[in-house]
PDB file of all heavy atoms in Angstrom:
ATOM      1  N   ALA A   1     -10.470  -1.207  10.554  1.00  0.00           N
ATOM      2  CA  ALA A   1      -9.568  -0.768  11.627  1.00  0.00           C
ATOM      3  C   ALA A   1      -8.150  -0.496  11.133  1.00  0.00           C
ATOM      4  O   ALA A   1      -7.390   0.194  11.801  1.00  0.00           O
ATOM      5  CB  ALA A   1      -9.537  -1.847  12.723  1.00  0.00           C
ATOM      6  N   PHE A   2      -7.804  -1.025   9.955  1.00  0.00           N
ATOM      7  CA  PHE A   2      -6.460  -0.785   9.440  1.00  0.00           C
ATOM      8  C   PHE A   2      -6.270   0.660   8.982  1.00  0.00           C
ATOM      9  O   PHE A   2      -5.126   1.082   8.810  1.00  0.00           O
ATOM     10  CB  PHE A   2      -6.152  -1.742   8.287  1.00  0.00           C
ATOM     11  CG  PHE A   2      -5.948  -3.163   8.730  1.00  0.00           C
ATOM     12  CD1 PHE A   2      -6.790  -4.168   8.297  1.00  0.00           C
ATOM     13  CD2 PHE A   2      -4.904  -3.497   9.585  1.00  0.00           C
ATOM     14  CE1 PHE A   2      -6.604  -5.483   8.713  1.00  0.00           C
ATOM     15  CE2 PHE A   2      -4.698  -4.799   9.988  1.00  0.00           C
ATOM     16  CZ  PHE A   2      -5.563  -5.792   9.565  1.00  0.00           C
ATOM     17  N   GLU A   3      -7.335   1.407   8.775  1.00  0.00           N
ATOM     18  CA  GLU A   3      -7.152   2.817   8.392  1.00  0.00           C
ATOM     19  C   GLU A   3      -6.473   3.585   9.511  1.00  0.00           C
ATOM     20  O   GLU A   3      -5.440   4.245   9.295  1.00  0.00           O
ATOM     21  CB  GLU A   3      -8.471   3.481   8.015  1.00  0.00           C
ATOM     22  CG  GLU A   3      -8.276   4.943   7.626  1.00  0.00           C
ATOM     23  CD  GLU A   3      -9.587   5.675   7.357  1.00  0.00           C
ATOM     24  OE1 GLU A   3     -10.653   5.152   7.729  1.00  0.00           O
ATOM     25  OE2 GLU A   3      -9.523   6.787   6.768  1.00  0.00           O
ATOM     26  N   PRO A   4      -6.972   3.550  10.768  1.00  0.00           N
ATOM     27  CA  PRO A   4      -6.313   4.309  11.807  1.00  0.00           C
ATOM     28  C   PRO A   4      -5.017   3.678  12.345  1.00  0.00           C
ATOM     29  O   PRO A   4      -4.128   4.413  12.799  1.00  0.00           O
ATOM     30  CB  PRO A   4      -7.368   4.385  12.935  1.00  0.00           C
ATOM     31  CG  PRO A   4      -8.226   3.194  12.725  1.00  0.00           C
ATOM     32  CD  PRO A   4      -8.279   3.029  11.226  1.00  0.00           C
ATOM     33  N   VAL A   5      -4.890   2.358  12.301  1.00  0.00           N
ATOM     34  CA  VAL A   5      -3.716   1.730  12.922  1.00  0.00           C
ATOM     35  C   VAL A   5      -2.599   1.478  11.928  1.00  0.00           C
ATOM     36  O   VAL A   5      -1.468   1.165  12.319  1.00  0.00           O
ATOM     37  CB  VAL A   5      -4.073   0.401  13.631  1.00  0.00           C
ATOM     38  CG1 VAL A   5      -5.177   0.619  14.647  1.00  0.00           C
ATOM     39  CG2 VAL A   5      -4.461  -0.689  12.637  1.00  0.00           C
ATOM     40  N   GLY A   6      -2.868   1.605  10.624  1.00  0.00           N
ATOM     41  CA  GLY A   6      -1.886   1.312   9.607  1.00  0.00           C
ATOM     42  C   GLY A   6      -2.091  -0.068   9.030  1.00  0.00           C
ATOM     43  O   GLY A   6      -2.535  -0.977   9.727  1.00  0.00           O
ATOM     44  N   LEU A   7      -1.761  -0.227   7.753  1.00  0.00           N
ATOM     45  CA  LEU A   7      -2.021  -1.485   7.039  1.00  0.00           C
ATOM     46  C   LEU A   7      -0.720  -2.298   6.881  1.00  0.00           C
ATOM     47  O   LEU A   7       0.140  -1.925   6.090  1.00  0.00           O
ATOM     48  CB  LEU A   7      -2.617  -1.209   5.674  1.00  0.00           C
ATOM     49  CG  LEU A   7      -3.054  -2.435   4.852  1.00  0.00           C
ATOM     50  CD1 LEU A   7      -4.216  -3.158   5.532  1.00  0.00           C
ATOM     51  CD2 LEU A   7      -3.425  -2.011   3.442  1.00  0.00           C
ATOM     52  N   PRO A   8      -0.580  -3.410   7.612  1.00  0.00           N
ATOM     53  CA  PRO A   8       0.616  -4.240   7.446  1.00  0.00           C
ATOM     54  C   PRO A   8       0.623  -4.894   6.055  1.00  0.00           C
ATOM     55  O   PRO A   8      -0.425  -5.145   5.479  1.00  0.00           O
ATOM     56  CB  PRO A   8       0.462  -5.307   8.542  1.00  0.00           C
ATOM     57  CG  PRO A   8      -0.611  -4.809   9.454  1.00  0.00           C
ATOM     58  CD  PRO A   8      -1.511  -3.944   8.620  1.00  0.00           C
ATOM     59  N   GLU A   9       1.805  -5.192   5.570  1.00  0.00           N
ATOM     60  CA  GLU A   9       1.906  -5.799   4.241  1.00  0.00           C
ATOM     61  C   GLU A   9       1.156  -7.143   4.169  1.00  0.00           C
ATOM     62  O   GLU A   9       0.585  -7.476   3.131  1.00  0.00           O
ATOM     63  CB  GLU A   9       3.369  -6.025   3.871  1.00  0.00           C
ATOM     64  CG  GLU A   9       4.110  -4.734   3.527  1.00  0.00           C
ATOM     65  CD  GLU A   9       5.493  -5.002   2.950  1.00  0.00           C
ATOM     66  OE1 GLU A   9       5.921  -6.174   2.929  1.00  0.00           O
ATOM     67  OE2 GLU A   9       6.130  -4.037   2.523  1.00  0.00           O
ATOM     68  N   GLN A  10       1.113  -7.879   5.302  1.00  0.00           N
ATOM     69  CA  GLN A  10       0.449  -9.164   5.279  1.00  0.00           C
ATOM     70  C   GLN A  10      -1.040  -9.055   5.023  1.00  0.00           C
ATOM     71  O   GLN A  10      -1.695 -10.003   4.588  1.00  0.00           O
ATOM     72  CB  GLN A  10       0.674  -9.925   6.609  1.00  0.00           C
ATOM     73  CG  GLN A  10       2.144 -10.068   6.988  1.00  0.00           C
ATOM     74  CD  GLN A  10       2.573  -9.003   7.935  1.00  0.00           C
ATOM     75  OE1 GLN A  10       2.394  -7.799   7.681  1.00  0.00           O
ATOM     76  NE2 GLN A  10       3.165  -9.386   9.060  1.00  0.00           N
ATOM     77  N   ALA A  11      -1.615  -7.875   5.316  1.00  0.00           N
ATOM     78  CA  ALA A  11      -3.058  -7.680   5.122  1.00  0.00           C
ATOM     79  C   ALA A  11      -3.414  -7.156   3.743  1.00  0.00           C
ATOM     80  O   ALA A  11      -4.572  -7.184   3.350  1.00  0.00           O
ATOM     81  CB  ALA A  11      -3.585  -6.705   6.202  1.00  0.00           C
ATOM     82  N   VAL A  12      -2.417  -6.683   2.997  1.00  0.00           N
ATOM     83  CA  VAL A  12      -2.686  -6.071   1.677  1.00  0.00           C
ATOM     84  C   VAL A  12      -3.415  -7.004   0.738  1.00  0.00           C
ATOM     85  O   VAL A  12      -4.389  -6.575   0.081  1.00  0.00           O
ATOM     86  CB  VAL A  12      -1.395  -5.543   1.058  1.00  0.00           C
ATOM     87  CG1 VAL A  12      -1.618  -5.102  -0.380  1.00  0.00           C
ATOM     88  CG2 VAL A  12      -0.838  -4.378   1.876  1.00  0.00           C
ATOM     89  N   PRO A  13      -3.031  -8.303   0.620  1.00  0.00           N
ATOM     90  CA  PRO A  13      -3.760  -9.168  -0.322  1.00  0.00           C
ATOM     91  C   PRO A  13      -5.256  -9.293   0.000  1.00  0.00           C
ATOM     92  O   PRO A  13      -6.075  -9.377  -0.911  1.00  0.00           O
ATOM     93  CB  PRO A  13      -3.049 -10.521  -0.159  1.00  0.00           C
ATOM     94  CG  PRO A  13      -1.683 -10.170   0.322  1.00  0.00           C
ATOM     95  CD  PRO A  13      -1.869  -9.003   1.211  1.00  0.00           C
ATOM     96  N   TYR A  14      -5.600  -9.300   1.274  1.00  0.00           N
ATOM     97  CA  TYR A  14      -7.017  -9.404   1.661  1.00  0.00           C
ATOM     98  C   TYR A  14      -7.771  -8.138   1.238  1.00  0.00           C
ATOM     99  O   TYR A  14      -8.927  -8.202   0.791  1.00  0.00           O
ATOM    100  CB  TYR A  14      -7.150  -9.597   3.161  1.00  0.00           C
ATOM    101  CG  TYR A  14      -6.553 -10.907   3.654  1.00  0.00           C
ATOM    102  CD1 TYR A  14      -5.246 -10.947   4.177  1.00  0.00           C
ATOM    103  CD2 TYR A  14      -7.274 -12.089   3.577  1.00  0.00           C
ATOM    104  CE1 TYR A  14      -4.696 -12.146   4.598  1.00  0.00           C
ATOM    105  CE2 TYR A  14      -6.724 -13.273   4.014  1.00  0.00           C
ATOM    106  CZ  TYR A  14      -5.432 -13.311   4.531  1.00  0.00           C
ATOM    107  OH  TYR A  14      -4.894 -14.495   4.975  1.00  0.00           O
ATOM    108  N   VAL A  15      -7.138  -6.988   1.400  1.00  0.00           N
ATOM    109  CA  VAL A  15      -7.765  -5.716   1.050  1.00  0.00           C
ATOM    110  C   VAL A  15      -7.965  -5.641  -0.459  1.00  0.00           C
ATOM    111  O   VAL A  15      -9.035  -5.292  -0.969  1.00  0.00           O
ATOM    112  CB  VAL A  15      -6.914  -4.554   1.544  1.00  0.00           C
ATOM    113  CG1 VAL A  15      -7.414  -3.207   0.998  1.00  0.00           C
ATOM    114  CG2 VAL A  15      -6.858  -4.510   3.070  1.00  0.00           C
ATOM    115  N   LEU A  16      -6.918  -5.981  -1.220  1.00  0.00           N
ATOM    116  CA  LEU A  16      -7.005  -5.906  -2.688  1.00  0.00           C
ATOM    117  C   LEU A  16      -8.020  -6.919  -3.226  1.00  0.00           C
ATOM    118  O   LEU A  16      -8.744  -6.618  -4.172  1.00  0.00           O
ATOM    119  CB  LEU A  16      -5.636  -6.144  -3.315  1.00  0.00           C
ATOM    120  CG  LEU A  16      -4.528  -5.134  -2.973  1.00  0.00           C
ATOM    121  CD1 LEU A  16      -3.263  -5.465  -3.734  1.00  0.00           C
ATOM    122  CD2 LEU A  16      -4.973  -3.714  -3.236  1.00  0.00           C
ATOM    123  N   ASP A  17      -8.060  -8.085  -2.612  1.00  0.00           N
ATOM    124  CA  ASP A  17      -9.019  -9.100  -3.046  1.00  0.00           C
ATOM    125  C   ASP A  17     -10.451  -8.621  -2.859  1.00  0.00           C
ATOM    126  O   ASP A  17     -11.311  -8.835  -3.717  1.00  0.00           O
ATOM    127  CB  ASP A  17      -8.785 -10.399  -2.278  1.00  0.00           C
ATOM    128  CG  ASP A  17      -9.730 -11.505  -2.720  1.00  0.00           C
ATOM    129  OD1 ASP A  17      -9.584 -11.978  -3.842  1.00  0.00           O
ATOM    130  OD2 ASP A  17     -10.595 -11.895  -1.923  1.00  0.00           O
ATOM    131  N   GLU A  18     -10.711  -7.933  -1.755  1.00  0.00           N
ATOM    132  CA  GLU A  18     -12.064  -7.428  -1.489  1.00  0.00           C
ATOM    133  C   GLU A  18     -12.429  -6.314  -2.472  1.00  0.00           C
ATOM    134  O   GLU A  18     -13.565  -6.237  -2.956  1.00  0.00           O
ATOM    135  CB  GLU A  18     -12.167  -6.926  -0.049  1.00  0.00           C
ATOM    136  CG  GLU A  18     -13.580  -6.838   0.488  1.00  0.00           C
ATOM    137  CD  GLU A  18     -14.287  -8.181   0.425  1.00  0.00           C
ATOM    138  OE1 GLU A  18     -13.808  -9.152   1.025  1.00  0.00           O
ATOM    139  OE2 GLU A  18     -15.373  -8.247  -0.226  1.00  0.00           O
ATOM    140  N   LEU A  19     -11.451  -5.436  -2.783  1.00  0.00           N
ATOM    141  CA  LEU A  19     -11.719  -4.395  -3.762  1.00  0.00           C
ATOM    142  C   LEU A  19     -11.971  -4.960  -5.140  1.00  0.00           C
ATOM    143  O   LEU A  19     -12.846  -4.496  -5.872  1.00  0.00           O
ATOM    144  CB  LEU A  19     -10.526  -3.434  -3.820  1.00  0.00           C
ATOM    145  CG  LEU A  19     -10.278  -2.548  -2.618  1.00  0.00           C
ATOM    146  CD1 LEU A  19      -8.978  -1.757  -2.793  1.00  0.00           C
ATOM    147  CD2 LEU A  19     -11.455  -1.578  -2.381  1.00  0.00           C
ATOM    148  N   GLN A  20     -11.256  -6.007  -5.495  1.00  0.00           N
ATOM    149  CA  GLN A  20     -11.364  -6.564  -6.839  1.00  0.00           C
ATOM    150  C   GLN A  20     -12.603  -7.448  -7.005  1.00  0.00           C
ATOM    151  O   GLN A  20     -13.194  -7.496  -8.083  1.00  0.00           O
ATOM    152  CB  GLN A  20     -10.108  -7.363  -7.178  1.00  0.00           C
ATOM    153  CG  GLN A  20     -10.091  -7.870  -8.596  1.00  0.00           C
ATOM    154  CD  GLN A  20      -8.715  -8.423  -8.964  1.00  0.00           C
ATOM    155  OE1 GLN A  20      -7.821  -8.498  -8.157  1.00  0.00           O
ATOM    156  NE2 GLN A  20      -8.544  -8.802 -10.230  1.00  0.00           N
ATOM    157  N   ASN A  21     -12.982  -8.131  -5.937  1.00  0.00           N
ATOM    158  CA  ASN A  21     -14.023  -9.146  -6.076  1.00  0.00           C
ATOM    159  C   ASN A  21     -15.244  -8.946  -5.187  1.00  0.00           C
ATOM    160  O   ASN A  21     -16.244  -9.655  -5.348  1.00  0.00           O
ATOM    161  CB  ASN A  21     -13.438 -10.545  -5.765  1.00  0.00           C
ATOM    162  CG  ASN A  21     -12.278 -10.893  -6.678  1.00  0.00           C
ATOM    163  OD1 ASN A  21     -12.423 -10.880  -7.884  1.00  0.00           O
ATOM    164  ND2 ASN A  21     -11.131 -11.203  -6.082  1.00  0.00           N
ATOM    165  N   GLY A  22     -15.192  -8.006  -4.258  1.00  0.00           N
ATOM    166  CA  GLY A  22     -16.269  -7.841  -3.296  1.00  0.00           C
ATOM    167  C   GLY A  22     -17.550  -7.343  -3.895  1.00  0.00           C
ATOM    168  O   GLY A  22     -17.551  -6.517  -4.833  1.00  0.00           O
ATOM    169  N   ARG A  23     -18.663  -7.810  -3.364  1.00  0.00           N
ATOM    170  CA  ARG A  23     -19.986  -7.369  -3.813  1.00  0.00           C
ATOM    171  C   ARG A  23     -20.844  -6.900  -2.634  1.00  0.00           C
ATOM    172  O   ARG A  23     -22.019  -6.583  -2.835  1.00  0.00           O
ATOM    173  CB  ARG A  23     -20.721  -8.525  -4.524  1.00  0.00           C
ATOM    174  CG  ARG A  23     -20.067  -9.007  -5.827  1.00  0.00           C
ATOM    175  CD  ARG A  23     -20.052  -7.929  -6.902  1.00  0.00           C
ATOM    176  NE  ARG A  23     -19.668  -8.454  -8.219  1.00  0.00           N
ATOM    177  CZ  ARG A  23     -18.434  -8.648  -8.605  1.00  0.00           C
ATOM    178  NH1 ARG A  23     -17.423  -8.400  -7.750  1.00  0.00           N
ATOM    179  NH2 ARG A  23     -18.157  -9.099  -9.816  1.00  0.00           N
ATOM    180  N   ASP A  24     -20.294  -6.861  -1.448  1.00  0.00           N
ATOM    181  CA  ASP A  24     -21.007  -6.393  -0.280  1.00  0.00           C
ATOM    182  C   ASP A  24     -20.506  -4.998   0.069  1.00  0.00           C
ATOM    183  O   ASP A  24     -19.313  -4.765   0.240  1.00  0.00           O
ATOM    184  CB  ASP A  24     -20.791  -7.334   0.907  1.00  0.00           C
ATOM    185  CG  ASP A  24     -21.612  -6.912   2.116  1.00  0.00           C
ATOM    186  OD1 ASP A  24     -21.137  -6.053   2.897  1.00  0.00           O
ATOM    187  OD2 ASP A  24     -22.732  -7.438   2.287  1.00  0.00           O
ATOM    188  N   ALA A  25     -21.439  -4.047   0.176  1.00  0.00           N
ATOM    189  CA  ALA A  25     -21.076  -2.636   0.392  1.00  0.00           C
ATOM    190  C   ALA A  25     -20.241  -2.463   1.640  1.00  0.00           C
ATOM    191  O   ALA A  25     -19.290  -1.667   1.669  1.00  0.00           O
ATOM    192  CB  ALA A  25     -22.332  -1.767   0.440  1.00  0.00           C
ATOM    193  N   TYR A  26     -20.577  -3.162   2.716  1.00  0.00           N
ATOM    194  CA  TYR A  26     -19.893  -3.006   3.990  1.00  0.00           C
ATOM    195  C   TYR A  26     -18.437  -3.440   3.874  1.00  0.00           C
ATOM    196  O   TYR A  26     -17.518  -2.736   4.306  1.00  0.00           O
ATOM    197  CB  TYR A  26     -20.605  -3.794   5.078  1.00  0.00           C
ATOM    198  CG  TYR A  26     -20.137  -3.513   6.494  1.00  0.00           C
ATOM    199  CD1 TYR A  26     -20.541  -2.360   7.164  1.00  0.00           C
ATOM    200  CD2 TYR A  26     -19.317  -4.411   7.174  1.00  0.00           C
ATOM    201  CE1 TYR A  26     -20.123  -2.104   8.454  1.00  0.00           C
ATOM    202  CE2 TYR A  26     -18.898  -4.171   8.461  1.00  0.00           C
ATOM    203  CZ  TYR A  26     -19.307  -3.016   9.122  1.00  0.00           C
ATOM    204  OH  TYR A  26     -18.898  -2.763  10.407  1.00  0.00           O
ATOM    205  N   LEU A  27     -18.203  -4.599   3.259  1.00  0.00           N
ATOM    206  CA  LEU A  27     -16.852  -5.106   3.106  1.00  0.00           C
ATOM    207  C   LEU A  27     -16.027  -4.266   2.137  1.00  0.00           C
ATOM    208  O   LEU A  27     -14.846  -3.999   2.371  1.00  0.00           O
ATOM    209  CB  LEU A  27     -16.883  -6.569   2.633  1.00  0.00           C
ATOM    210  CG  LEU A  27     -17.077  -7.640   3.704  1.00  0.00           C
ATOM    211  CD1 LEU A  27     -17.263  -8.998   3.080  1.00  0.00           C
ATOM    212  CD2 LEU A  27     -15.909  -7.651   4.680  1.00  0.00           C
ATOM    213  N   VAL A  28     -16.634  -3.837   1.050  1.00  0.00           N
ATOM    214  CA  VAL A  28     -15.918  -3.014   0.074  1.00  0.00           C
ATOM    215  C   VAL A  28     -15.566  -1.657   0.686  1.00  0.00           C
ATOM    216  O   VAL A  28     -14.444  -1.143   0.507  1.00  0.00           O
ATOM    217  CB  VAL A  28     -16.738  -2.840  -1.217  1.00  0.00           C
ATOM    218  CG1 VAL A  28     -16.075  -1.821  -2.158  1.00  0.00           C
ATOM    219  CG2 VAL A  28     -16.904  -4.174  -1.926  1.00  0.00           C
ATOM    220  N   ALA A  29     -16.488  -1.061   1.423  1.00  0.00           N
ATOM    221  CA  ALA A  29     -16.190   0.212   2.102  1.00  0.00           C
ATOM    222  C   ALA A  29     -15.043   0.028   3.093  1.00  0.00           C
ATOM    223  O   ALA A  29     -14.160   0.863   3.197  1.00  0.00           O
ATOM    224  CB  ALA A  29     -17.434   0.718   2.822  1.00  0.00           C
ATOM    225  N   ALA A  30     -15.067  -1.105   3.827  1.00  0.00           N
ATOM    226  CA  ALA A  30     -14.014  -1.362   4.801  1.00  0.00           C
ATOM    227  C   ALA A  30     -12.658  -1.503   4.121  1.00  0.00           C
ATOM    228  O   ALA A  30     -11.629  -0.992   4.599  1.00  0.00           O
ATOM    229  CB  ALA A  30     -14.342  -2.650   5.558  1.00  0.00           C
TER     230      ALA A  30
END
């Protein structure tokens, strides 16, 4: 949902953590 509404700085660590460590296609795509 952060794609259409914009990504607040507080959410950036969660996004980067998922990109770096995620192994689930749904979460990584998100």
